[in-house]
């Protein structure tokens, strides 16, 4: 997706939990809300995009794997002399006024540039700001303005922090904290990411035809989507409903039904994690049969041009199955769960 205007360059500090999902999720959310962007660069835990400032800063609060959004002010190699030289060219007076408070934080990604002392660099960058602006106060707790520096892959990026994401809710939504528990339940961060990869928007109907205990539907509902689920196991369907209501969510419906013989006709997005036959029942079907049946149904369930995000065991090769079902593979990612399971997350478009 390209940008035709003179939008500034923003950099986004990302989670280090996965090499590709944070980058992909960020772009998916921007696309879902029609924010045009141009990728300037993708480094370890840092994505640089030319895009709209205000909306981009707001939308990161919908993501699972983005930590902060910054207006890029300076870029240099990760050499202290070059960093301070680049910082001295920044018109800091445009961002922090005399009498205001500020702080500078520097984050080191994955042990990058170990020869640079983060504390010393923060102090020296602070001196550059003081020299440029003059009468300022340092407030490490609640500053009026915060600058963020990031060391990654031999480079240094300095930015004005526009927004930061704090998510105390994810631990509270862990499967073990819900009224109804099953060991196959997906963790909330990954479920949130899958909903976002499908480009889901508030008010759209998100369907999970293998809803289990409701991990995906919970995250979709909390993002403002209408939600609909089914599970062939009536006990699971009831447990899913309990969990949704525990978080104050009322679904369009949660049905005890065979996903491959669905009682529903249309949804805006399908986001699902079908059973693999390890701890979750496949109702006597081979795992490949379940996925082939689901992929064949997608053109009937999802409107033309819209997307689904489906999880599968990596050895199944679901991305290779999609074209045979007449679906367009948008992207695929591999997510290690444990020694016996790596999930493939495939984003598919109905052409």
C-alpha atoms as a PDB file:
ATOM      1  CA  UNK A   1       0.000   0.000   0.000  1.00  0.00           C
ATOM      2  CA  UNK A   2       1.525   3.300  -1.000  1.00  0.00           C
ATOM      3  CA  UNK A   3       1.223   6.832   0.317  1.00  0.00           C
ATOM      4  CA  UNK A   4       0.826   9.808  -1.995  1.00  0.00           C
ATOM      5  CA  UNK A   5       0.893  12.631   0.534  1.00  0.00           C
ATOM      6  CA  UNK A   6       3.705  14.124   2.592  1.00  0.00           C
ATOM      7  CA  UNK A   7       2.993  12.083   5.679  1.00  0.00           C
ATOM      8  CA  UNK A   8       5.789  11.984   8.264  1.00  0.00           C
ATOM      9  CA  UNK A   9       7.785   8.858   9.019  1.00  0.00           C
ATOM     10  CA  UNK A  10       6.622   7.075  12.150  1.00  0.00           C
ATOM     11  CA  UNK A  11       8.401   4.241  13.846  1.00  0.00           C
ATOM     12  CA  UNK A  12       6.615   1.615  15.880  1.00  0.00           C
ATOM     13  CA  UNK A  13       8.283  -0.298  18.691  1.00  0.00           C
ATOM     14  CA  UNK A  14       7.074  -3.893  18.457  1.00  0.00           C
ATOM     15  CA  UNK A  15       6.967  -6.910  20.723  1.00  0.00           C
ATOM     16  CA  UNK A  16       9.795  -9.387  20.413  1.00  0.00           C
ATOM     17  CA  UNK A  17       7.547 -12.429  20.794  1.00  0.00           C
ATOM     18  CA  UNK A  18       7.587 -13.255  17.073  1.00  0.00           C
ATOM     19  CA  UNK A  19       9.720 -12.088  14.114  1.00  0.00           C
ATOM     20  CA  UNK A  20       6.925 -11.401  11.564  1.00  0.00           C
ATOM     21  CA  UNK A  21       3.530 -11.257  13.286  1.00  0.00           C
ATOM     22  CA  UNK A  22       3.989  -7.826  14.938  1.00  0.00           C
ATOM     23  CA  UNK A  23       4.883  -6.209  11.601  1.00  0.00           C
ATOM     24  CA  UNK A  24       2.014  -7.955   9.820  1.00  0.00           C
ATOM     25  CA  UNK A  25      -0.563  -7.182  12.503  1.00  0.00           C
ATOM     26  CA  UNK A  26       0.320  -3.475  12.533  1.00  0.00           C
ATOM     27  CA  UNK A  27      -0.120  -3.196   8.759  1.00  0.00           C
ATOM     28  CA  UNK A  28      -3.338  -5.232   8.876  1.00  0.00           C
ATOM     29  CA  UNK A  29      -4.907  -2.848  11.406  1.00  0.00           C
ATOM     30  CA  UNK A  30      -3.943   0.202   9.348  1.00  0.00           C
ATOM     31  CA  UNK A  31      -5.393  -1.424   6.227  1.00  0.00           C
ATOM     32  CA  UNK A  32      -8.608  -2.346   8.031  1.00  0.00           C
ATOM     33  CA  UNK A  33      -9.196   1.309   8.855  1.00  0.00           C
ATOM     34  CA  UNK A  34      -8.159   2.658   5.471  1.00  0.00           C
ATOM     35  CA  UNK A  35      -4.920   4.299   6.618  1.00  0.00           C
ATOM     36  CA  UNK A  36      -2.586   4.551   3.644  1.00  0.00           C
ATOM     37  CA  UNK A  37       1.049   3.777   4.387  1.00  0.00           C
ATOM     38  CA  UNK A  38       4.409   3.209   2.800  1.00  0.00           C
ATOM     39  CA  UNK A  39       6.874   0.813   4.382  1.00  0.00           C
ATOM     40  CA  UNK A  40      10.234   2.528   4.873  1.00  0.00           C
ATOM     41  CA  UNK A  41      11.891  -0.342   6.695  1.00  0.00           C
ATOM     42  CA  UNK A  42      11.326  -3.325   8.983  1.00  0.00           C
ATOM     43  CA  UNK A  43      13.973  -4.157  11.566  1.00  0.00           C
ATOM     44  CA  UNK A  44      14.012  -6.310  14.671  1.00  0.00           C
ATOM     45  CA  UNK A  45      11.107  -5.041  16.813  1.00  0.00           C
ATOM     46  CA  UNK A  46      10.854  -1.805  14.859  1.00  0.00           C
ATOM     47  CA  UNK A  47       8.698  -0.912  11.875  1.00  0.00           C
ATOM     48  CA  UNK A  48       9.136   2.375   9.978  1.00  0.00           C
ATOM     49  CA  UNK A  49       6.144   3.610   8.013  1.00  0.00           C
ATOM     50  CA  UNK A  50       5.211   6.791   6.242  1.00  0.00           C
ATOM     51  CA  UNK A  51       1.578   7.242   7.282  1.00  0.00           C
ATOM     52  CA  UNK A  52      -1.019   9.426   8.951  1.00  0.00           C
ATOM     53  CA  UNK A  53       0.102  10.434  12.434  1.00  0.00           C
ATOM     54  CA  UNK A  54      -2.997  10.783  14.597  1.00  0.00           C
ATOM     55  CA  UNK A  55      -4.967   7.745  13.421  1.00  0.00           C
ATOM     56  CA  UNK A  56      -1.910   5.512  13.395  1.00  0.00           C
ATOM     57  CA  UNK A  57      -1.084   6.456  16.967  1.00  0.00           C
ATOM     58  CA  UNK A  58      -4.669   5.709  18.042  1.00  0.00           C
ATOM     59  CA  UNK A  59      -5.006   2.413  16.189  1.00  0.00           C
ATOM     60  CA  UNK A  60      -2.046   0.704  17.841  1.00  0.00           C
ATOM     61  CA  UNK A  61      -4.222   0.263  20.937  1.00  0.00           C
ATOM     62  CA  UNK A  62      -6.126  -2.399  18.975  1.00  0.00           C
ATOM     63  CA  UNK A  63      -3.027  -4.519  18.413  1.00  0.00           C
ATOM     64  CA  UNK A  64      -1.551  -7.353  20.425  1.00  0.00           C
ATOM     65  CA  UNK A  65       2.094  -6.870  19.494  1.00  0.00           C
ATOM     66  CA  UNK A  66       2.753  -3.117  19.092  1.00  0.00           C
ATOM     67  CA  UNK A  67       4.227  -1.289  22.072  1.00  0.00           C
ATOM     68  CA  UNK A  68       4.611   2.360  21.041  1.00  0.00           C
ATOM     69  CA  UNK A  69       4.273   4.789  18.156  1.00  0.00           C
ATOM     70  CA  UNK A  70       6.805   7.602  17.653  1.00  0.00           C
ATOM     71  CA  UNK A  71       7.314  10.464  15.234  1.00  0.00           C
ATOM     72  CA  UNK A  72      10.774   9.839  13.817  1.00  0.00           C
ATOM     73  CA  UNK A  73      13.155  12.726  14.533  1.00  0.00           C
ATOM     74  CA  UNK A  74      16.621  11.325  13.844  1.00  0.00           C
ATOM     75  CA  UNK A  75      18.270   8.218  12.431  1.00  0.00           C
ATOM     76  CA  UNK A  76      21.921   7.254  12.596  1.00  0.00           C
ATOM     77  CA  UNK A  77      24.283   4.353  12.896  1.00  0.00           C
ATOM     78  CA  UNK A  78      24.563   3.041  16.442  1.00  0.00           C
ATOM     79  CA  UNK A  79      27.764   4.951  17.187  1.00  0.00           C
ATOM     80  CA  UNK A  80      27.575   7.385  20.080  1.00  0.00           C
ATOM     81  CA  UNK A  81      29.227  10.256  18.231  1.00  0.00           C
ATOM     82  CA  UNK A  82      26.902   9.863  15.250  1.00  0.00           C
ATOM     83  CA  UNK A  83      23.850   9.546  17.500  1.00  0.00           C
ATOM     84  CA  UNK A  84      24.621  12.800  19.324  1.00  0.00           C
ATOM     85  CA  UNK A  85      25.422  14.570  16.055  1.00  0.00           C
ATOM     86  CA  UNK A  86      22.083  13.514  14.543  1.00  0.00           C
ATOM     87  CA  UNK A  87      20.231  14.525  17.712  1.00  0.00           C
ATOM     88  CA  UNK A  88      21.846  17.981  17.709  1.00  0.00           C
ATOM     89  CA  UNK A  89      20.138  18.682  14.362  1.00  0.00           C
ATOM     90  CA  UNK A  90      16.647  18.014  15.778  1.00  0.00           C
ATOM     91  CA  UNK A  91      14.536  21.163  16.421  1.00  0.00           C
ATOM     92  CA  UNK A  92      13.472  20.028  19.887  1.00  0.00           C
ATOM     93  CA  UNK A  93      11.874  23.427  20.569  1.00  0.00           C
ATOM     94  CA  UNK A  94       9.093  22.421  18.187  1.00  0.00           C
ATOM     95  CA  UNK A  95       8.073  19.552  20.496  1.00  0.00           C
ATOM     96  CA  UNK A  96       8.803  20.701  24.039  1.00  0.00           C
ATOM     97  CA  UNK A  97       8.456  24.267  25.307  1.00  0.00           C
ATOM     98  CA  UNK A  98      10.413  26.073  28.050  1.00  0.00           C
ATOM     99  CA  UNK A  99       8.892  25.276  31.422  1.00  0.00           C
ATOM    100  CA  UNK A 100       7.609  21.872  30.377  1.00  0.00           C
ATOM    101  CA  UNK A 101       8.905  18.546  31.652  1.00  0.00           C
ATOM    102  CA  UNK A 102      10.403  15.784  29.537  1.00  0.00           C
ATOM    103  CA  UNK A 103      12.245  12.508  29.672  1.00  0.00           C
ATOM    104  CA  UNK A 104      14.300  10.420  27.270  1.00  0.00           C
ATOM    105  CA  UNK A 105      14.259   6.651  27.310  1.00  0.00           C
ATOM    106  CA  UNK A 106      16.485   4.412  25.197  1.00  0.00           C
ATOM    107  CA  UNK A 107      15.509   0.815  24.468  1.00  0.00           C
ATOM    108  CA  UNK A 108      18.016  -1.799  23.411  1.00  0.00           C
ATOM    109  CA  UNK A 109      16.505  -4.526  21.201  1.00  0.00           C
ATOM    110  CA  UNK A 110      17.843  -8.065  21.598  1.00  0.00           C
ATOM    111  CA  UNK A 111      21.187  -6.973  22.981  1.00  0.00           C
ATOM    112  CA  UNK A 112      21.933  -4.610  20.100  1.00  0.00           C
ATOM    113  CA  UNK A 113      25.014  -2.352  20.355  1.00  0.00           C
ATOM    114  CA  UNK A 114      26.274  -3.752  23.683  1.00  0.00           C
ATOM    115  CA  UNK A 115      29.169  -1.275  23.721  1.00  0.00           C
ATOM    116  CA  UNK A 116      26.739   1.627  24.230  1.00  0.00           C
ATOM    117  CA  UNK A 117      25.601   2.394  27.789  1.00  0.00           C
ATOM    118  CA  UNK A 118      21.884   3.103  27.679  1.00  0.00           C
ATOM    119  CA  UNK A 119      21.980   5.222  30.853  1.00  0.00           C
ATOM    120  CA  UNK A 120      24.898   7.322  29.627  1.00  0.00           C
ATOM    121  CA  UNK A 121      23.248   7.817  26.241  1.00  0.00           C
ATOM    122  CA  UNK A 122      19.992   8.933  27.860  1.00  0.00           C
ATOM    123  CA  UNK A 123      21.894  11.512  29.922  1.00  0.00           C
ATOM    124  CA  UNK A 124      23.830  12.832  26.921  1.00  0.00           C
ATOM    125  CA  UNK A 125      20.697  13.069  24.776  1.00  0.00           C
ATOM    126  CA  UNK A 126      18.999  14.913  27.622  1.00  0.00           C
ATOM    127  CA  UNK A 127      21.827  17.444  27.578  1.00  0.00           C
ATOM    128  CA  UNK A 128      21.252  17.956  23.835  1.00  0.00           C
ATOM    129  CA  UNK A 129      17.593  18.737  24.515  1.00  0.00           C
ATOM    130  CA  UNK A 130      18.471  21.154  27.339  1.00  0.00           C
ATOM    131  CA  UNK A 131      20.941  22.939  25.094  1.00  0.00           C
ATOM    132  CA  UNK A 132      18.357  23.299  22.337  1.00  0.00           C
ATOM    133  CA  UNK A 133      15.417  24.448  24.465  1.00  0.00           C
ATOM    134  CA  UNK A 134      16.760  25.824  27.710  1.00  0.00           C
ATOM    135  CA  UNK A 135      14.389  26.024  30.682  1.00  0.00           C
ATOM    136  CA  UNK A 136      13.118  22.449  31.049  1.00  0.00           C
ATOM    137  CA  UNK A 137      12.431  19.983  33.820  1.00  0.00           C
ATOM    138  CA  UNK A 138      13.194  16.280  33.838  1.00  0.00           C
ATOM    139  CA  UNK A 139      10.280  14.176  35.043  1.00  0.00           C
ATOM    140  CA  UNK A 140      10.875  10.430  34.929  1.00  0.00           C
ATOM    141  CA  UNK A 141       7.368   9.580  36.141  1.00  0.00           C
ATOM    142  CA  UNK A 142       4.854  11.783  34.277  1.00  0.00           C
ATOM    143  CA  UNK A 143       6.571  14.058  31.788  1.00  0.00           C
ATOM    144  CA  UNK A 144       4.735  16.430  29.492  1.00  0.00           C
ATOM    145  CA  UNK A 145       6.792  15.130  26.568  1.00  0.00           C
ATOM    146  CA  UNK A 146       8.683  11.876  26.107  1.00  0.00           C
ATOM    147  CA  UNK A 147      11.376  11.053  23.580  1.00  0.00           C
ATOM    148  CA  UNK A 148      12.192   7.432  22.804  1.00  0.00           C
ATOM    149  CA  UNK A 149      15.421   6.078  21.359  1.00  0.00           C
ATOM    150  CA  UNK A 150      15.735   2.548  19.986  1.00  0.00           C
ATOM    151  CA  UNK A 151      18.936   0.609  19.322  1.00  0.00           C
ATOM    152  CA  UNK A 152      18.386  -2.219  16.843  1.00  0.00           C
ATOM    153  CA  UNK A 153      20.437  -3.967  14.163  1.00  0.00           C
ATOM    154  CA  UNK A 154      23.342  -1.512  14.351  1.00  0.00           C
ATOM    155  CA  UNK A 155      21.076   1.533  13.965  1.00  0.00           C
ATOM    156  CA  UNK A 156      19.653   4.165  16.311  1.00  0.00           C
ATOM    157  CA  UNK A 157      16.239   5.781  15.960  1.00  0.00           C
ATOM    158  CA  UNK A 158      15.076   8.773  17.994  1.00  0.00           C
ATOM    159  CA  UNK A 159      11.450   9.778  18.114  1.00  0.00           C
ATOM    160  CA  UNK A 160       8.763  11.789  19.856  1.00  0.00           C
ATOM    161  CA  UNK A 161       6.494   9.292  21.571  1.00  0.00           C
ATOM    162  CA  UNK A 162       2.919   9.749  20.359  1.00  0.00           C
ATOM    163  CA  UNK A 163       1.276   6.817  22.106  1.00  0.00           C
ATOM    164  CA  UNK A 164       2.138   3.802  24.169  1.00  0.00           C
ATOM    165  CA  UNK A 165       0.119   0.633  24.667  1.00  0.00           C
ATOM    166  CA  UNK A 166      -0.411  -0.756  28.155  1.00  0.00           C
ATOM    167  CA  UNK A 167      -2.437  -3.962  28.266  1.00  0.00           C
ATOM    168  CA  UNK A 168      -3.051  -5.245  31.789  1.00  0.00           C
ATOM    169  CA  UNK A 169      -6.119  -7.031  30.394  1.00  0.00           C
ATOM    170  CA  UNK A 170      -4.281  -9.829  28.582  1.00  0.00           C
ATOM    171  CA  UNK A 171      -3.167 -11.653  31.769  1.00  0.00           C
ATOM    172  CA  UNK A 172      -6.709 -11.290  33.147  1.00  0.00           C
ATOM    173  CA  UNK A 173      -8.085 -13.021  30.051  1.00  0.00           C
ATOM    174  CA  UNK A 174      -5.795 -16.035  30.152  1.00  0.00           C
ATOM    175  CA  UNK A 175      -7.788 -19.262  29.699  1.00  0.00           C
ATOM    176  CA  UNK A 176      -7.165 -20.305  33.301  1.00  0.00           C
ATOM    177  CA  UNK A 177      -8.802 -17.085  34.547  1.00  0.00           C
ATOM    178  CA  UNK A 178     -12.119 -17.731  32.746  1.00  0.00           C
ATOM    179  CA  UNK A 179     -15.153 -19.501  34.240  1.00  0.00           C
ATOM    180  CA  UNK A 180     -14.897 -22.332  31.693  1.00  0.00           C
ATOM    181  CA  UNK A 181     -11.450 -23.784  30.980  1.00  0.00           C
ATOM    182  CA  UNK A 182     -10.057 -26.284  28.495  1.00  0.00           C
ATOM    183  CA  UNK A 183      -6.329 -26.913  27.897  1.00  0.00           C
ATOM    184  CA  UNK A 184      -6.650 -26.353  24.125  1.00  0.00           C
ATOM    185  CA  UNK A 185      -7.737 -22.721  24.554  1.00  0.00           C
ATOM    186  CA  UNK A 186      -5.717 -20.139  22.614  1.00  0.00           C
ATOM    187  CA  UNK A 187      -3.916 -17.386  24.501  1.00  0.00           C
ATOM    188  CA  UNK A 188      -5.513 -13.939  24.170  1.00  0.00           C
ATOM    189  CA  UNK A 189      -2.583 -12.208  22.445  1.00  0.00           C
ATOM    190  CA  UNK A 190      -2.524 -14.670  19.582  1.00  0.00           C
ATOM    191  CA  UNK A 191      -6.316 -14.620  19.329  1.00  0.00           C
ATOM    192  CA  UNK A 192      -6.285 -10.794  19.174  1.00  0.00           C
ATOM    193  CA  UNK A 193      -3.607 -10.904  16.481  1.00  0.00           C
ATOM    194  CA  UNK A 194      -5.641 -13.343  14.365  1.00  0.00           C
ATOM    195  CA  UNK A 195      -8.717 -11.113  14.552  1.00  0.00           C
ATOM    196  CA  UNK A 196      -6.584  -8.196  13.399  1.00  0.00           C
ATOM    197  CA  UNK A 197      -4.913 -10.165  10.592  1.00  0.00           C
ATOM    198  CA  UNK A 198      -8.385 -10.777   9.156  1.00  0.00           C
ATOM    199  CA  UNK A 199      -8.746  -6.959   8.906  1.00  0.00           C
ATOM    200  CA  UNK A 200     -11.753  -6.998  11.246  1.00  0.00           C
ATOM    201  CA  UNK A 201     -13.542  -3.714  11.939  1.00  0.00           C
ATOM    202  CA  UNK A 202     -15.994  -2.678  14.674  1.00  0.00           C
ATOM    203  CA  UNK A 203     -19.553  -3.638  13.780  1.00  0.00           C
ATOM    204  CA  UNK A 204     -18.518  -6.428  11.421  1.00  0.00           C
ATOM    205  CA  UNK A 205     -19.687  -9.966  12.104  1.00  0.00           C
ATOM    206  CA  UNK A 206     -16.766 -12.241  13.031  1.00  0.00           C
ATOM    207  CA  UNK A 207     -17.550 -15.953  12.863  1.00  0.00           C
ATOM    208  CA  UNK A 208     -15.581 -18.692  14.623  1.00  0.00           C
ATOM    209  CA  UNK A 209     -17.117 -22.012  13.531  1.00  0.00           C
ATOM    210  CA  UNK A 210     -14.806 -23.975  15.887  1.00  0.00           C
ATOM    211  CA  UNK A 211     -15.160 -21.605  18.828  1.00  0.00           C
ATOM    212  CA  UNK A 212     -14.099 -23.909  21.677  1.00  0.00           C
ATOM    213  CA  UNK A 213     -13.962 -21.867  24.888  1.00  0.00           C
ATOM    214  CA  UNK A 214     -14.233 -18.565  23.009  1.00  0.00           C
ATOM    215  CA  UNK A 215     -10.707 -17.092  22.923  1.00  0.00           C
ATOM    216  CA  UNK A 216     -11.090 -15.625  19.429  1.00  0.00           C
ATOM    217  CA  UNK A 217     -14.648 -14.402  19.974  1.00  0.00           C
ATOM    218  CA  UNK A 218     -13.672 -12.688  23.228  1.00  0.00           C
ATOM    219  CA  UNK A 219     -10.963 -10.655  21.509  1.00  0.00           C
ATOM    220  CA  UNK A 220     -13.195  -9.858  18.519  1.00  0.00           C
ATOM    221  CA  UNK A 221     -15.988  -8.723  20.834  1.00  0.00           C
ATOM    222  CA  UNK A 222     -13.663  -6.511  22.865  1.00  0.00           C
ATOM    223  CA  UNK A 223     -12.595  -4.861  19.587  1.00  0.00           C
ATOM    224  CA  UNK A 224     -16.214  -3.924  18.924  1.00  0.00           C
ATOM    225  CA  UNK A 225     -17.080  -6.664  16.430  1.00  0.00           C
ATOM    226  CA  UNK A 226     -20.340  -8.572  16.402  1.00  0.00           C
ATOM    227  CA  UNK A 227     -19.562 -12.203  17.179  1.00  0.00           C
ATOM    228  CA  UNK A 228     -21.011 -15.580  16.242  1.00  0.00           C
ATOM    229  CA  UNK A 229     -19.656 -18.998  17.119  1.00  0.00           C
ATOM    230  CA  UNK A 230     -20.338 -22.695  16.946  1.00  0.00           C
ATOM    231  CA  UNK A 231     -18.843 -25.906  18.269  1.00  0.00           C
ATOM    232  CA  UNK A 232     -19.880 -29.490  17.628  1.00  0.00           C
ATOM    233  CA  UNK A 233     -19.506 -30.150  21.359  1.00  0.00           C
ATOM    234  CA  UNK A 234     -22.534 -28.704  23.171  1.00  0.00           C
ATOM    235  CA  UNK A 235     -20.580 -28.471  26.438  1.00  0.00           C
ATOM    236  CA  UNK A 236     -17.921 -26.357  24.711  1.00  0.00           C
ATOM    237  CA  UNK A 237     -20.553 -24.106  23.163  1.00  0.00           C
ATOM    238  CA  UNK A 238     -22.142 -23.546  26.572  1.00  0.00           C
ATOM    239  CA  UNK A 239     -18.728 -22.887  28.134  1.00  0.00           C
ATOM    240  CA  UNK A 240     -17.940 -20.383  25.379  1.00  0.00           C
ATOM    241  CA  UNK A 241     -21.158 -18.516  26.149  1.00  0.00           C
ATOM    242  CA  UNK A 242     -20.264 -18.429  29.856  1.00  0.00           C
ATOM    243  CA  UNK A 243     -16.850 -16.992  29.060  1.00  0.00           C
ATOM    244  CA  UNK A 244     -18.217 -14.340  26.702  1.00  0.00           C
ATOM    245  CA  UNK A 245     -20.737 -13.145  29.249  1.00  0.00           C
ATOM    246  CA  UNK A 246     -18.037 -13.127  31.940  1.00  0.00           C
ATOM    247  CA  UNK A 247     -16.359 -10.370  29.905  1.00  0.00           C
ATOM    248  CA  UNK A 248     -19.635  -8.527  29.313  1.00  0.00           C
ATOM    249  CA  UNK A 249     -20.029  -9.700  25.716  1.00  0.00           C
ATOM    250  CA  UNK A 250     -23.327 -10.797  24.185  1.00  0.00           C
ATOM    251  CA  UNK A 251     -22.879 -12.770  20.953  1.00  0.00           C
ATOM    252  CA  UNK A 252     -25.222 -12.936  17.993  1.00  0.00           C
ATOM    253  CA  UNK A 253     -25.288 -16.599  18.889  1.00  0.00           C
ATOM    254  CA  UNK A 254     -23.210 -19.552  20.079  1.00  0.00           C
ATOM    255  CA  UNK A 255     -24.527 -22.774  18.558  1.00  0.00           C
ATOM    256  CA  UNK A 256     -23.918 -26.454  19.110  1.00  0.00           C
ATOM    257  CA  UNK A 257     -23.436 -27.281  15.451  1.00  0.00           C
ATOM    258  CA  UNK A 258     -21.221 -29.036  12.918  1.00  0.00           C
ATOM    259  CA  UNK A 259     -18.998 -26.362  11.362  1.00  0.00           C
ATOM    260  CA  UNK A 260     -18.908 -28.263   8.079  1.00  0.00           C
ATOM    261  CA  UNK A 261     -22.726 -28.265   7.909  1.00  0.00           C
ATOM    262  CA  UNK A 262     -23.256 -24.727   9.155  1.00  0.00           C
ATOM    263  CA  UNK A 263     -26.670 -23.381  10.167  1.00  0.00           C
ATOM    264  CA  UNK A 264     -25.469 -19.848   9.304  1.00  0.00           C
ATOM    265  CA  UNK A 265     -24.959 -18.347   5.878  1.00  0.00           C
ATOM    266  CA  UNK A 266     -22.830 -15.192   5.919  1.00  0.00           C
ATOM    267  CA  UNK A 267     -20.178 -13.423   7.979  1.00  0.00           C
ATOM    268  CA  UNK A 268     -17.841 -10.512   7.355  1.00  0.00           C
ATOM    269  CA  UNK A 269     -14.783 -12.368   8.654  1.00  0.00           C
ATOM    270  CA  UNK A 270     -13.993 -15.940   9.638  1.00  0.00           C
ATOM    271  CA  UNK A 271     -11.318 -16.328  12.309  1.00  0.00           C
ATOM    272  CA  UNK A 272     -10.854 -19.814  13.691  1.00  0.00           C
ATOM    273  CA  UNK A 273      -8.539 -22.458  15.129  1.00  0.00           C
ATOM    274  CA  UNK A 274     -10.011 -25.887  14.232  1.00  0.00           C
ATOM    275  CA  UNK A 275      -9.217 -28.972  16.333  1.00  0.00           C
ATOM    276  CA  UNK A 276      -6.016 -30.893  15.626  1.00  0.00           C
ATOM    277  CA  UNK A 277      -6.967 -34.155  17.323  1.00  0.00           C
ATOM    278  CA  UNK A 278      -4.449 -33.853  20.164  1.00  0.00           C
ATOM    279  CA  UNK A 279      -6.528 -32.641  23.097  1.00  0.00           C
ATOM    280  CA  UNK A 280      -9.560 -31.501  21.081  1.00  0.00           C
ATOM    281  CA  UNK A 281     -11.920 -33.883  19.335  1.00  0.00           C
ATOM    282  CA  UNK A 282     -12.118 -33.965  15.548  1.00  0.00           C
ATOM    283  CA  UNK A 283     -15.477 -35.789  15.732  1.00  0.00           C
ATOM    284  CA  UNK A 284     -14.059 -38.786  13.883  1.00  0.00           C
ATOM    285  CA  UNK A 285     -12.735 -36.836  10.907  1.00  0.00           C
ATOM    286  CA  UNK A 286      -9.154 -36.658   9.720  1.00  0.00           C
ATOM    287  CA  UNK A 287      -7.586 -33.251  10.349  1.00  0.00           C
ATOM    288  CA  UNK A 288      -7.066 -32.721   6.601  1.00  0.00           C
ATOM    289  CA  UNK A 289     -10.762 -33.449   5.978  1.00  0.00           C
ATOM    290  CA  UNK A 290     -11.751 -30.714   8.436  1.00  0.00           C
ATOM    291  CA  UNK A 291      -9.556 -28.115   6.734  1.00  0.00           C
ATOM    292  CA  UNK A 292     -10.555 -29.118   3.223  1.00  0.00           C
ATOM    293  CA  UNK A 293     -14.204 -28.832   4.223  1.00  0.00           C
ATOM    294  CA  UNK A 294     -13.666 -25.470   5.883  1.00  0.00           C
ATOM    295  CA  UNK A 295     -11.756 -24.004   2.943  1.00  0.00           C
ATOM    296  CA  UNK A 296     -14.468 -25.199   0.552  1.00  0.00           C
ATOM    297  CA  UNK A 297     -17.092 -23.412   2.663  1.00  0.00           C
ATOM    298  CA  UNK A 298     -15.300 -20.060   2.919  1.00  0.00           C
ATOM    299  CA  UNK A 299     -16.577 -18.636  -0.409  1.00  0.00           C
ATOM    300  CA  UNK A 300     -20.117 -19.320   0.834  1.00  0.00           C
ATOM    301  CA  UNK A 301     -19.545 -17.843   4.284  1.00  0.00           C
ATOM    302  CA  UNK A 302     -17.403 -14.782   3.542  1.00  0.00           C
ATOM    303  CA  UNK A 303     -18.269 -12.000   1.121  1.00  0.00           C
ATOM    304  CA  UNK A 304     -16.146 -11.468  -1.947  1.00  0.00           C
ATOM    305  CA  UNK A 305     -12.970  -9.519  -1.237  1.00  0.00           C
ATOM    306  CA  UNK A 306     -13.053 -10.128   2.528  1.00  0.00           C
ATOM    307  CA  UNK A 307     -10.658 -12.226   4.557  1.00  0.00           C
ATOM    308  CA  UNK A 308     -10.364 -15.127   6.928  1.00  0.00           C
ATOM    309  CA  UNK A 309      -7.552 -16.006   9.314  1.00  0.00           C
ATOM    310  CA  UNK A 310      -7.180 -19.700  10.055  1.00  0.00           C
ATOM    311  CA  UNK A 311      -4.765 -21.538  12.333  1.00  0.00           C
ATOM    312  CA  UNK A 312      -3.540 -25.024  11.490  1.00  0.00           C
ATOM    313  CA  UNK A 313      -0.705 -27.378  12.476  1.00  0.00           C
ATOM    314  CA  UNK A 314       2.250 -26.400  10.312  1.00  0.00           C
ATOM    315  CA  UNK A 315       2.786 -29.887   8.887  1.00  0.00           C
ATOM    316  CA  UNK A 316      -0.650 -29.708   7.234  1.00  0.00           C
ATOM    317  CA  UNK A 317       0.566 -27.110   4.717  1.00  0.00           C
ATOM    318  CA  UNK A 318      -2.669 -25.132   4.701  1.00  0.00           C
ATOM    319  CA  UNK A 319      -1.206 -22.269   2.648  1.00  0.00           C
ATOM    320  CA  UNK A 320      -0.605 -24.763  -0.148  1.00  0.00           C
ATOM    321  CA  UNK A 321      -4.203 -26.005   0.124  1.00  0.00           C
ATOM    322  CA  UNK A 322      -5.822 -22.584  -0.256  1.00  0.00           C
ATOM    323  CA  UNK A 323      -5.372 -22.027  -4.028  1.00  0.00           C
ATOM    324  CA  UNK A 324      -7.019 -25.388  -4.737  1.00  0.00           C
ATOM    325  CA  UNK A 325     -10.098 -24.145  -2.891  1.00  0.00           C
ATOM    326  CA  UNK A 326     -10.182 -20.994  -5.016  1.00  0.00           C
ATOM    327  CA  UNK A 327      -8.831 -18.773  -2.231  1.00  0.00           C
ATOM    328  CA  UNK A 328      -6.067 -16.173  -2.406  1.00  0.00           C
ATOM    329  CA  UNK A 329      -3.265 -16.554   0.127  1.00  0.00           C
ATOM    330  CA  UNK A 330      -2.532 -13.070   1.500  1.00  0.00           C
ATOM    331  CA  UNK A 331       0.149 -14.085   4.004  1.00  0.00           C
ATOM    332  CA  UNK A 332       1.213 -16.958   6.252  1.00  0.00           C
ATOM    333  CA  UNK A 333       3.128 -17.012   9.530  1.00  0.00           C
ATOM    334  CA  UNK A 334       4.460 -19.815  11.719  1.00  0.00           C
ATOM    335  CA  UNK A 335       4.015 -19.601  15.481  1.00  0.00           C
ATOM    336  CA  UNK A 336       5.854 -22.020  17.790  1.00  0.00           C
ATOM    337  CA  UNK A 337       3.625 -23.218  20.643  1.00  0.00           C
ATOM    338  CA  UNK A 338       5.596 -26.132  22.093  1.00  0.00           C
ATOM    339  CA  UNK A 339       7.792 -28.998  20.891  1.00  0.00           C
ATOM    340  CA  UNK A 340       4.765 -30.845  19.531  1.00  0.00           C
ATOM    341  CA  UNK A 341       2.996 -27.957  17.829  1.00  0.00           C
ATOM    342  CA  UNK A 342       3.861 -25.076  15.550  1.00  0.00           C
ATOM    343  CA  UNK A 343       0.825 -23.236  14.255  1.00  0.00           C
ATOM    344  CA  UNK A 344       0.536 -21.911  10.717  1.00  0.00           C
ATOM    345  CA  UNK A 345      -1.575 -18.754  10.620  1.00  0.00           C
ATOM    346  CA  UNK A 346      -2.891 -18.242   7.102  1.00  0.00           C
ATOM    347  CA  UNK A 347      -4.720 -15.117   5.981  1.00  0.00           C
ATOM    348  CA  UNK A 348      -6.967 -15.913   3.025  1.00  0.00           C
ATOM    349  CA  UNK A 349      -9.018 -13.661   0.782  1.00  0.00           C
ATOM    350  CA  UNK A 350     -12.183 -14.742  -0.992  1.00  0.00           C
ATOM    351  CA  UNK A 351     -11.676 -13.475  -4.566  1.00  0.00           C
END
